[in-house]
């Protein structure tokens, strides 16, 4: 038998298919794992918290598991708020009036609503055997929250979490209050600069004292003449000569006789007038 010929499969163009450079590079790169930047647990937790609040700058403490309770004023009992998960004590960006800011956050494992409370004063934090009590006021309504932190007896690694996070919350609240004290003292000293020297300290000014002087000036103006009032005379109000000029009253034609009579010569003047009138009458007739 003649040997079997081996035929190579060719395409219509006579050239076999070869992978392109791009495909070969893609296959090569897909086989090599990309280098990953190692990140610590603190960095990962910080990145997650900054998604919820951009003001978070660092973590002060982390407790693996906590449950948030709320005190009901109606039933006078602690009730679950439905929020439980990892608890964080975070430092926030400072503000002008708040050089140091801290908050307590619990990321909820059971829902989308998280618990976040910014600390204000050390007196708002109270630690009991069972709860870390946090007091706050929202829109004038007081709220009381209880933070229950999971911890197991020693030698468990979680045995210290409740005590440690309670101490950290109290410490952060004290820092906030201490950082605000210089600003409060400066504000109080600034108010003292505006106190009038003539007014005794601690005495409040009444509206009558504040506006009494202006009221007196307003009362001095007349409604009719809009000029300052002057002493009353038997003829009425004496007006300001620069503002209202009193017209001169011209005497009638017989005023000389009246004036002369006031001087003791009225009789002679009247006789003289009648005599002249008679002469003129006779001359006319």
C-alpha atoms as a PDB file:
ATOM      1  CA  UNK A   1       0.000   0.000   0.000  1.00  0.00           C
ATOM      2  CA  UNK A   2       1.121   3.447  -0.713  1.00  0.00           C
ATOM      3  CA  UNK A   3       1.701   5.667   2.341  1.00  0.00           C
ATOM      4  CA  UNK A   4      -1.209   7.846   3.420  1.00  0.00           C
ATOM      5  CA  UNK A   5      -0.710  11.450   2.642  1.00  0.00           C
ATOM      6  CA  UNK A   6      -1.223  13.889   5.438  1.00  0.00           C
ATOM      7  CA  UNK A   7      -3.028  17.013   4.396  1.00  0.00           C
ATOM      8  CA  UNK A   8      -2.971  20.199   6.446  1.00  0.00           C
ATOM      9  CA  UNK A   9      -6.247  22.011   6.849  1.00  0.00           C
ATOM     10  CA  UNK A  10      -6.158  25.401   5.253  1.00  0.00           C
ATOM     11  CA  UNK A  11      -8.601  28.206   5.029  1.00  0.00           C
ATOM     12  CA  UNK A  12      -9.925  29.522   1.822  1.00  0.00           C
ATOM     13  CA  UNK A  13      -7.035  31.957   1.635  1.00  0.00           C
ATOM     14  CA  UNK A  14      -4.536  29.208   2.292  1.00  0.00           C
ATOM     15  CA  UNK A  15      -3.337  30.710   5.611  1.00  0.00           C
ATOM     16  CA  UNK A  16      -4.003  29.048   8.949  1.00  0.00           C
ATOM     17  CA  UNK A  17      -5.638  31.125  11.770  1.00  0.00           C
ATOM     18  CA  UNK A  18      -3.155  32.567  14.210  1.00  0.00           C
ATOM     19  CA  UNK A  19      -4.060  34.487  17.379  1.00  0.00           C
ATOM     20  CA  UNK A  20      -3.430  38.203  17.167  1.00  0.00           C
ATOM     21  CA  UNK A  21      -1.012  40.002  19.396  1.00  0.00           C
ATOM     22  CA  UNK A  22      -3.896  41.615  21.300  1.00  0.00           C
ATOM     23  CA  UNK A  23      -5.509  38.279  22.070  1.00  0.00           C
ATOM     24  CA  UNK A  24      -2.249  36.767  23.149  1.00  0.00           C
ATOM     25  CA  UNK A  25      -1.550  39.733  25.405  1.00  0.00           C
ATOM     26  CA  UNK A  26      -5.016  39.483  26.912  1.00  0.00           C
ATOM     27  CA  UNK A  27      -4.558  35.819  27.655  1.00  0.00           C
ATOM     28  CA  UNK A  28      -1.208  36.540  29.161  1.00  0.00           C
ATOM     29  CA  UNK A  29      -2.487  39.328  31.416  1.00  0.00           C
ATOM     30  CA  UNK A  30      -5.507  37.318  32.519  1.00  0.00           C
ATOM     31  CA  UNK A  31      -3.257  34.595  33.855  1.00  0.00           C
ATOM     32  CA  UNK A  32      -1.294  37.016  36.060  1.00  0.00           C
ATOM     33  CA  UNK A  33      -3.161  38.206  39.224  1.00  0.00           C
ATOM     34  CA  UNK A  34      -3.208  41.975  39.743  1.00  0.00           C
ATOM     35  CA  UNK A  35      -1.276  43.201  42.779  1.00  0.00           C
ATOM     36  CA  UNK A  36      -3.561  44.276  45.648  1.00  0.00           C
ATOM     37  CA  UNK A  37      -2.669  47.002  48.100  1.00  0.00           C
ATOM     38  CA  UNK A  38      -2.931  45.575  51.592  1.00  0.00           C
ATOM     39  CA  UNK A  39      -5.429  47.425  53.820  1.00  0.00           C
ATOM     40  CA  UNK A  40      -5.878  47.039  57.530  1.00  0.00           C
ATOM     41  CA  UNK A  41      -9.184  46.456  59.266  1.00  0.00           C
ATOM     42  CA  UNK A  42      -9.119  50.011  60.606  1.00  0.00           C
ATOM     43  CA  UNK A  43      -8.721  51.447  57.104  1.00  0.00           C
ATOM     44  CA  UNK A  44     -11.587  49.326  55.809  1.00  0.00           C
ATOM     45  CA  UNK A  45     -13.858  50.338  58.682  1.00  0.00           C
ATOM     46  CA  UNK A  46     -12.916  53.987  58.208  1.00  0.00           C
ATOM     47  CA  UNK A  47     -13.746  53.827  54.512  1.00  0.00           C
ATOM     48  CA  UNK A  48     -17.161  52.332  55.278  1.00  0.00           C
ATOM     49  CA  UNK A  49     -17.968  54.957  57.908  1.00  0.00           C
ATOM     50  CA  UNK A  50     -16.913  57.816  55.629  1.00  0.00           C
ATOM     51  CA  UNK A  51     -19.537  56.679  53.138  1.00  0.00           C
ATOM     52  CA  UNK A  52     -22.185  57.435  55.755  1.00  0.00           C
ATOM     53  CA  UNK A  53     -20.533  60.548  57.201  1.00  0.00           C
ATOM     54  CA  UNK A  54     -17.791  62.439  55.411  1.00  0.00           C
ATOM     55  CA  UNK A  55     -16.782  64.246  58.606  1.00  0.00           C
ATOM     56  CA  UNK A  56     -15.312  61.057  60.114  1.00  0.00           C
ATOM     57  CA  UNK A  57     -11.509  61.352  60.220  1.00  0.00           C
ATOM     58  CA  UNK A  58     -10.406  58.555  62.584  1.00  0.00           C
ATOM     59  CA  UNK A  59     -11.578  55.700  64.800  1.00  0.00           C
ATOM     60  CA  UNK A  60     -11.201  55.843  68.556  1.00  0.00           C
ATOM     61  CA  UNK A  61     -12.651  52.450  69.449  1.00  0.00           C
ATOM     62  CA  UNK A  62     -14.489  49.514  67.850  1.00  0.00           C
ATOM     63  CA  UNK A  63     -16.795  47.043  69.629  1.00  0.00           C
ATOM     64  CA  UNK A  64     -17.774  43.952  67.595  1.00  0.00           C
ATOM     65  CA  UNK A  65     -21.403  43.819  68.655  1.00  0.00           C
ATOM     66  CA  UNK A  66     -23.826  46.214  70.359  1.00  0.00           C
ATOM     67  CA  UNK A  67     -27.584  46.670  70.628  1.00  0.00           C
ATOM     68  CA  UNK A  68     -29.286  50.062  70.816  1.00  0.00           C
ATOM     69  CA  UNK A  69     -32.185  50.470  73.277  1.00  0.00           C
ATOM     70  CA  UNK A  70     -34.432  53.507  73.728  1.00  0.00           C
ATOM     71  CA  UNK A  71     -36.111  54.458  76.982  1.00  0.00           C
ATOM     72  CA  UNK A  72     -39.877  54.914  76.648  1.00  0.00           C
ATOM     73  CA  UNK A  73     -41.385  57.650  78.791  1.00  0.00           C
ATOM     74  CA  UNK A  74     -44.811  56.066  78.486  1.00  0.00           C
ATOM     75  CA  UNK A  75     -43.989  52.554  79.624  1.00  0.00           C
ATOM     76  CA  UNK A  76     -40.942  53.620  81.678  1.00  0.00           C
ATOM     77  CA  UNK A  77     -38.991  50.710  80.237  1.00  0.00           C
ATOM     78  CA  UNK A  78     -36.160  50.054  77.823  1.00  0.00           C
ATOM     79  CA  UNK A  79     -37.289  49.070  74.349  1.00  0.00           C
ATOM     80  CA  UNK A  80     -35.250  47.757  71.423  1.00  0.00           C
ATOM     81  CA  UNK A  81     -34.821  50.194  68.573  1.00  0.00           C
ATOM     82  CA  UNK A  82     -34.158  47.482  66.002  1.00  0.00           C
ATOM     83  CA  UNK A  83     -30.543  48.594  65.499  1.00  0.00           C
ATOM     84  CA  UNK A  84     -27.706  46.227  66.347  1.00  0.00           C
ATOM     85  CA  UNK A  85     -24.252  45.688  64.932  1.00  0.00           C
ATOM     86  CA  UNK A  86     -20.693  46.931  65.237  1.00  0.00           C
ATOM     87  CA  UNK A  87     -20.253  49.999  67.437  1.00  0.00           C
ATOM     88  CA  UNK A  88     -17.707  52.716  66.661  1.00  0.00           C
ATOM     89  CA  UNK A  89     -16.434  55.764  68.503  1.00  0.00           C
ATOM     90  CA  UNK A  90     -15.307  58.189  65.781  1.00  0.00           C
ATOM     91  CA  UNK A  91     -13.485  61.520  65.674  1.00  0.00           C
ATOM     92  CA  UNK A  92     -15.028  64.163  63.415  1.00  0.00           C
ATOM     93  CA  UNK A  93     -13.703  67.179  61.588  1.00  0.00           C
ATOM     94  CA  UNK A  94     -13.381  70.170  63.932  1.00  0.00           C
ATOM     95  CA  UNK A  95     -15.542  73.260  63.570  1.00  0.00           C
ATOM     96  CA  UNK A  96     -15.084  76.857  64.637  1.00  0.00           C
ATOM     97  CA  UNK A  97     -17.166  76.543  67.801  1.00  0.00           C
ATOM     98  CA  UNK A  98     -16.301  72.863  68.349  1.00  0.00           C
ATOM     99  CA  UNK A  99     -12.529  72.287  68.176  1.00  0.00           C
ATOM    100  CA  UNK A 100     -13.048  68.609  69.049  1.00  0.00           C
ATOM    101  CA  UNK A 101     -15.980  66.501  67.910  1.00  0.00           C
ATOM    102  CA  UNK A 102     -16.821  62.826  68.484  1.00  0.00           C
ATOM    103  CA  UNK A 103     -19.755  60.590  67.737  1.00  0.00           C
ATOM    104  CA  UNK A 104     -21.022  57.089  68.507  1.00  0.00           C
ATOM    105  CA  UNK A 105     -22.166  55.030  65.517  1.00  0.00           C
ATOM    106  CA  UNK A 106     -23.722  51.569  65.283  1.00  0.00           C
ATOM    107  CA  UNK A 107     -23.914  50.098  61.784  1.00  0.00           C
ATOM    108  CA  UNK A 108     -27.129  48.148  61.632  1.00  0.00           C
ATOM    109  CA  UNK A 109     -26.980  44.513  60.547  1.00  0.00           C
ATOM    110  CA  UNK A 110     -30.752  44.144  60.473  1.00  0.00           C
ATOM    111  CA  UNK A 111     -31.733  47.116  58.347  1.00  0.00           C
ATOM    112  CA  UNK A 112     -30.693  50.239  56.511  1.00  0.00           C
ATOM    113  CA  UNK A 113     -31.178  52.608  59.435  1.00  0.00           C
ATOM    114  CA  UNK A 114     -28.026  53.163  61.495  1.00  0.00           C
ATOM    115  CA  UNK A 115     -27.574  54.789  64.886  1.00  0.00           C
ATOM    116  CA  UNK A 116     -25.466  57.962  65.050  1.00  0.00           C
ATOM    117  CA  UNK A 117     -25.200  60.316  68.003  1.00  0.00           C
ATOM    118  CA  UNK A 118     -22.734  63.181  68.295  1.00  0.00           C
ATOM    119  CA  UNK A 119     -21.477  63.709  71.823  1.00  0.00           C
ATOM    120  CA  UNK A 120     -21.896  67.125  73.453  1.00  0.00           C
ATOM    121  CA  UNK A 121     -21.199  67.118  77.203  1.00  0.00           C
ATOM    122  CA  UNK A 122     -19.731  64.728  79.724  1.00  0.00           C
ATOM    123  CA  UNK A 123     -22.894  64.993  81.796  1.00  0.00           C
ATOM    124  CA  UNK A 124     -24.876  63.409  78.947  1.00  0.00           C
ATOM    125  CA  UNK A 125     -23.065  60.076  79.405  1.00  0.00           C
ATOM    126  CA  UNK A 126     -23.865  57.660  82.228  1.00  0.00           C
ATOM    127  CA  UNK A 127     -22.490  54.153  82.678  1.00  0.00           C
ATOM    128  CA  UNK A 128     -24.416  51.427  84.480  1.00  0.00           C
ATOM    129  CA  UNK A 129     -23.816  47.706  84.876  1.00  0.00           C
ATOM    130  CA  UNK A 130     -26.005  46.920  81.883  1.00  0.00           C
ATOM    131  CA  UNK A 131     -26.110  49.983  79.623  1.00  0.00           C
ATOM    132  CA  UNK A 132     -24.092  52.968  78.476  1.00  0.00           C
ATOM    133  CA  UNK A 133     -26.756  55.675  78.719  1.00  0.00           C
ATOM    134  CA  UNK A 134     -26.576  58.511  76.191  1.00  0.00           C
ATOM    135  CA  UNK A 135     -28.807  61.593  76.589  1.00  0.00           C
ATOM    136  CA  UNK A 136     -29.581  63.927  73.716  1.00  0.00           C
ATOM    137  CA  UNK A 137     -32.127  66.545  72.645  1.00  0.00           C
ATOM    138  CA  UNK A 138     -33.598  66.738  69.156  1.00  0.00           C
ATOM    139  CA  UNK A 139     -35.921  69.610  68.206  1.00  0.00           C
ATOM    140  CA  UNK A 140     -36.432  70.368  71.879  1.00  0.00           C
ATOM    141  CA  UNK A 141     -37.485  66.783  72.702  1.00  0.00           C
ATOM    142  CA  UNK A 142     -35.195  64.811  75.052  1.00  0.00           C
ATOM    143  CA  UNK A 143     -34.158  61.292  74.045  1.00  0.00           C
ATOM    144  CA  UNK A 144     -32.482  58.630  76.176  1.00  0.00           C
ATOM    145  CA  UNK A 145     -30.601  55.753  74.526  1.00  0.00           C
ATOM    146  CA  UNK A 146     -29.035  52.712  76.101  1.00  0.00           C
ATOM    147  CA  UNK A 147     -26.077  50.994  74.439  1.00  0.00           C
ATOM    148  CA  UNK A 148     -25.712  47.328  75.369  1.00  0.00           C
ATOM    149  CA  UNK A 149     -22.283  45.999  74.394  1.00  0.00           C
ATOM    150  CA  UNK A 150     -21.653  42.282  74.065  1.00  0.00           C
ATOM    151  CA  UNK A 151     -18.848  40.918  76.218  1.00  0.00           C
ATOM    152  CA  UNK A 152     -18.030  37.439  77.498  1.00  0.00           C
ATOM    153  CA  UNK A 153     -16.439  36.537  80.801  1.00  0.00           C
ATOM    154  CA  UNK A 154     -12.634  36.253  80.951  1.00  0.00           C
ATOM    155  CA  UNK A 155     -10.508  34.873  79.457  1.00  0.00           C
ATOM    156  CA  UNK A 156     -12.522  35.728  76.331  1.00  0.00           C
ATOM    157  CA  UNK A 157     -11.126  38.390  74.021  1.00  0.00           C
ATOM    158  CA  UNK A 158     -14.417  40.327  74.255  1.00  0.00           C
ATOM    159  CA  UNK A 159     -14.469  40.542  78.049  1.00  0.00           C
ATOM    160  CA  UNK A 160     -13.073  44.099  78.122  1.00  0.00           C
ATOM    161  CA  UNK A 161     -15.162  45.660  75.338  1.00  0.00           C
ATOM    162  CA  UNK A 162     -18.003  46.988  77.496  1.00  0.00           C
ATOM    163  CA  UNK A 163     -15.695  48.664  79.990  1.00  0.00           C
ATOM    164  CA  UNK A 164     -13.292  49.944  77.341  1.00  0.00           C
ATOM    165  CA  UNK A 165     -15.878  51.549  75.071  1.00  0.00           C
ATOM    166  CA  UNK A 166     -17.665  53.112  78.043  1.00  0.00           C
ATOM    167  CA  UNK A 167     -14.421  54.693  79.206  1.00  0.00           C
ATOM    168  CA  UNK A 168     -13.637  55.921  75.684  1.00  0.00           C
ATOM    169  CA  UNK A 169     -17.068  57.545  75.282  1.00  0.00           C
ATOM    170  CA  UNK A 170     -16.722  59.348  78.613  1.00  0.00           C
ATOM    171  CA  UNK A 171     -13.207  60.477  77.723  1.00  0.00           C
ATOM    172  CA  UNK A 172     -14.280  61.869  74.345  1.00  0.00           C
ATOM    173  CA  UNK A 173     -17.222  63.712  75.899  1.00  0.00           C
ATOM    174  CA  UNK A 174     -14.868  65.280  78.457  1.00  0.00           C
ATOM    175  CA  UNK A 175     -12.526  66.382  75.650  1.00  0.00           C
ATOM    176  CA  UNK A 176     -15.379  68.120  73.876  1.00  0.00           C
ATOM    177  CA  UNK A 177     -16.432  69.985  76.996  1.00  0.00           C
ATOM    178  CA  UNK A 178     -12.852  71.012  77.790  1.00  0.00           C
ATOM    179  CA  UNK A 179     -12.221  72.271  74.255  1.00  0.00           C
ATOM    180  CA  UNK A 180     -15.336  74.436  74.338  1.00  0.00           C
ATOM    181  CA  UNK A 181     -14.598  76.017  77.720  1.00  0.00           C
ATOM    182  CA  UNK A 182     -12.089  78.629  76.411  1.00  0.00           C
ATOM    183  CA  UNK A 183     -14.560  79.705  73.738  1.00  0.00           C
ATOM    184  CA  UNK A 184     -17.332  80.105  76.293  1.00  0.00           C
ATOM    185  CA  UNK A 185     -15.078  82.168  78.546  1.00  0.00           C
ATOM    186  CA  UNK A 186     -14.101  84.366  75.617  1.00  0.00           C
ATOM    187  CA  UNK A 187     -17.734  84.910  74.699  1.00  0.00           C
ATOM    188  CA  UNK A 188     -18.635  85.814  78.267  1.00  0.00           C
ATOM    189  CA  UNK A 189     -15.730  88.257  78.514  1.00  0.00           C
ATOM    190  CA  UNK A 190     -16.726  89.759  75.182  1.00  0.00           C
ATOM    191  CA  UNK A 191     -20.235  90.496  76.448  1.00  0.00           C
ATOM    192  CA  UNK A 192     -18.765  92.406  79.385  1.00  0.00           C
ATOM    193  CA  UNK A 193     -17.176  94.909  76.989  1.00  0.00           C
ATOM    194  CA  UNK A 194     -20.589  96.017  75.800  1.00  0.00           C
ATOM    195  CA  UNK A 195     -21.951  96.801  79.267  1.00  0.00           C
ATOM    196  CA  UNK A 196     -22.606 100.506  79.761  1.00  0.00           C
ATOM    197  CA  UNK A 197     -20.457 102.030  82.491  1.00  0.00           C
ATOM    198  CA  UNK A 198     -23.372 104.081  83.795  1.00  0.00           C
ATOM    199  CA  UNK A 199     -25.537 101.008  84.276  1.00  0.00           C
ATOM    200  CA  UNK A 200     -24.809  98.865  87.356  1.00  0.00           C
ATOM    201  CA  UNK A 201     -23.725  95.303  86.704  1.00  0.00           C
ATOM    202  CA  UNK A 202     -26.575  92.827  86.671  1.00  0.00           C
ATOM    203  CA  UNK A 203     -29.235  95.525  86.139  1.00  0.00           C
ATOM    204  CA  UNK A 204     -31.482  95.281  83.091  1.00  0.00           C
ATOM    205  CA  UNK A 205     -32.521  98.339  81.144  1.00  0.00           C
ATOM    206  CA  UNK A 206     -36.211  98.887  80.616  1.00  0.00           C
ATOM    207  CA  UNK A 207     -37.733 100.057  77.369  1.00  0.00           C
ATOM    208  CA  UNK A 208     -38.751 103.294  79.050  1.00  0.00           C
ATOM    209  CA  UNK A 209     -35.134 104.056  79.964  1.00  0.00           C
ATOM    210  CA  UNK A 210     -33.844 103.119  76.545  1.00  0.00           C
ATOM    211  CA  UNK A 211     -36.388 105.146  74.559  1.00  0.00           C
ATOM    212  CA  UNK A 212     -37.434 107.714  77.168  1.00  0.00           C
ATOM    213  CA  UNK A 213     -35.067 110.398  75.945  1.00  0.00           C
ATOM    214  CA  UNK A 214     -36.250 110.074  72.366  1.00  0.00           C
ATOM    215  CA  UNK A 215     -39.835 110.066  73.587  1.00  0.00           C
ATOM    216  CA  UNK A 216     -39.305 113.362  75.382  1.00  0.00           C
ATOM    217  CA  UNK A 217     -37.855 114.921  72.261  1.00  0.00           C
ATOM    218  CA  UNK A 218     -40.820 113.711  70.220  1.00  0.00           C
ATOM    219  CA  UNK A 219     -43.287 115.112  72.742  1.00  0.00           C
ATOM    220  CA  UNK A 220     -41.682 118.562  72.433  1.00  0.00           C
ATOM    221  CA  UNK A 221     -43.027 118.956  68.885  1.00  0.00           C
ATOM    222  CA  UNK A 222     -46.459 120.447  68.309  1.00  0.00           C
ATOM    223  CA  UNK A 223     -48.917 118.681  66.054  1.00  0.00           C
ATOM    224  CA  UNK A 224     -50.110 121.902  64.409  1.00  0.00           C
ATOM    225  CA  UNK A 225     -46.903 123.817  63.908  1.00  0.00           C
ATOM    226  CA  UNK A 226     -44.366 120.944  63.991  1.00  0.00           C
ATOM    227  CA  UNK A 227     -42.100 123.193  65.991  1.00  0.00           C
ATOM    228  CA  UNK A 228     -40.845 122.942  69.569  1.00  0.00           C
ATOM    229  CA  UNK A 229     -43.374 123.956  72.150  1.00  0.00           C
ATOM    230  CA  UNK A 230     -42.898 127.224  73.945  1.00  0.00           C
ATOM    231  CA  UNK A 231     -44.519 128.591  77.132  1.00  0.00           C
ATOM    232  CA  UNK A 232     -48.208 129.291  76.867  1.00  0.00           C
ATOM    233  CA  UNK A 233     -49.428 132.941  76.871  1.00  0.00           C
ATOM    234  CA  UNK A 234     -52.869 134.400  77.275  1.00  0.00           C
ATOM    235  CA  UNK A 235     -53.199 134.533  73.498  1.00  0.00           C
ATOM    236  CA  UNK A 236     -52.161 130.944  72.871  1.00  0.00           C
ATOM    237  CA  UNK A 237     -48.892 129.360  71.732  1.00  0.00           C
ATOM    238  CA  UNK A 238     -45.941 131.555  70.903  1.00  0.00           C
ATOM    239  CA  UNK A 239     -44.648 130.304  67.568  1.00  0.00           C
ATOM    240  CA  UNK A 240     -41.077 130.167  66.428  1.00  0.00           C
ATOM    241  CA  UNK A 241     -40.386 133.427  64.531  1.00  0.00           C
ATOM    242  CA  UNK A 242     -37.898 131.643  62.253  1.00  0.00           C
ATOM    243  CA  UNK A 243     -40.434 129.029  61.220  1.00  0.00           C
ATOM    244  CA  UNK A 244     -43.819 130.805  61.239  1.00  0.00           C
ATOM    245  CA  UNK A 245     -43.902 134.550  60.858  1.00  0.00           C
ATOM    246  CA  UNK A 246     -46.971 136.213  62.347  1.00  0.00           C
ATOM    247  CA  UNK A 247     -48.420 138.705  59.820  1.00  0.00           C
ATOM    248  CA  UNK A 248     -48.558 142.310  60.974  1.00  0.00           C
ATOM    249  CA  UNK A 249     -52.083 143.594  61.626  1.00  0.00           C
ATOM    250  CA  UNK A 250     -52.572 146.991  59.960  1.00  0.00           C
ATOM    251  CA  UNK A 251     -54.759 149.419  61.797  1.00  0.00           C
ATOM    252  CA  UNK A 252     -57.895 150.732  60.052  1.00  0.00           C
ATOM    253  CA  UNK A 253     -58.067 154.372  58.949  1.00  0.00           C
ATOM    254  CA  UNK A 254     -59.414 155.415  62.338  1.00  0.00           C
ATOM    255  CA  UNK A 255     -56.533 153.836  64.156  1.00  0.00           C
ATOM    256  CA  UNK A 256     -54.781 157.214  64.746  1.00  0.00           C
ATOM    257  CA  UNK A 257     -57.771 158.341  66.724  1.00  0.00           C
ATOM    258  CA  UNK A 258     -57.730 155.171  68.746  1.00  0.00           C
ATOM    259  CA  UNK A 259     -54.013 155.509  69.295  1.00  0.00           C
ATOM    260  CA  UNK A 260     -54.363 159.120  70.300  1.00  0.00           C
ATOM    261  CA  UNK A 261     -57.141 158.302  72.688  1.00  0.00           C
ATOM    262  CA  UNK A 262     -54.897 155.820  74.388  1.00  0.00           C
ATOM    263  CA  UNK A 263     -52.440 158.689  74.973  1.00  0.00           C
ATOM    264  CA  UNK A 264     -55.022 161.011  76.586  1.00  0.00           C
ATOM    265  CA  UNK A 265     -55.683 163.130  73.494  1.00  0.00           C
ATOM    266  CA  UNK A 266     -58.761 161.386  72.128  1.00  0.00           C
ATOM    267  CA  UNK A 267     -61.191 164.206  72.883  1.00  0.00           C
ATOM    268  CA  UNK A 268     -59.270 166.901  70.940  1.00  0.00           C
ATOM    269  CA  UNK A 269     -58.704 164.671  67.994  1.00  0.00           C
ATOM    270  CA  UNK A 270     -62.368 163.738  67.720  1.00  0.00           C
ATOM    271  CA  UNK A 271     -63.470 167.369  67.854  1.00  0.00           C
ATOM    272  CA  UNK A 272     -60.941 168.264  65.211  1.00  0.00           C
ATOM    273  CA  UNK A 273     -62.219 165.461  62.996  1.00  0.00           C
ATOM    274  CA  UNK A 274     -65.853 166.531  63.338  1.00  0.00           C
ATOM    275  CA  UNK A 275     -64.939 170.150  62.691  1.00  0.00           C
ATOM    276  CA  UNK A 276     -63.127 169.306  59.493  1.00  0.00           C
ATOM    277  CA  UNK A 277     -65.943 167.059  58.396  1.00  0.00           C
ATOM    278  CA  UNK A 278     -68.467 169.897  58.965  1.00  0.00           C
ATOM    279  CA  UNK A 279     -66.406 172.401  57.032  1.00  0.00           C
ATOM    280  CA  UNK A 280     -66.067 170.040  54.156  1.00  0.00           C
ATOM    281  CA  UNK A 281     -69.817 169.381  54.168  1.00  0.00           C
ATOM    282  CA  UNK A 282     -70.668 173.055  54.063  1.00  0.00           C
ATOM    283  CA  UNK A 283     -68.167 173.733  51.303  1.00  0.00           C
ATOM    284  CA  UNK A 284     -69.647 170.979  49.219  1.00  0.00           C
ATOM    285  CA  UNK A 285     -73.206 172.159  49.666  1.00  0.00           C
END
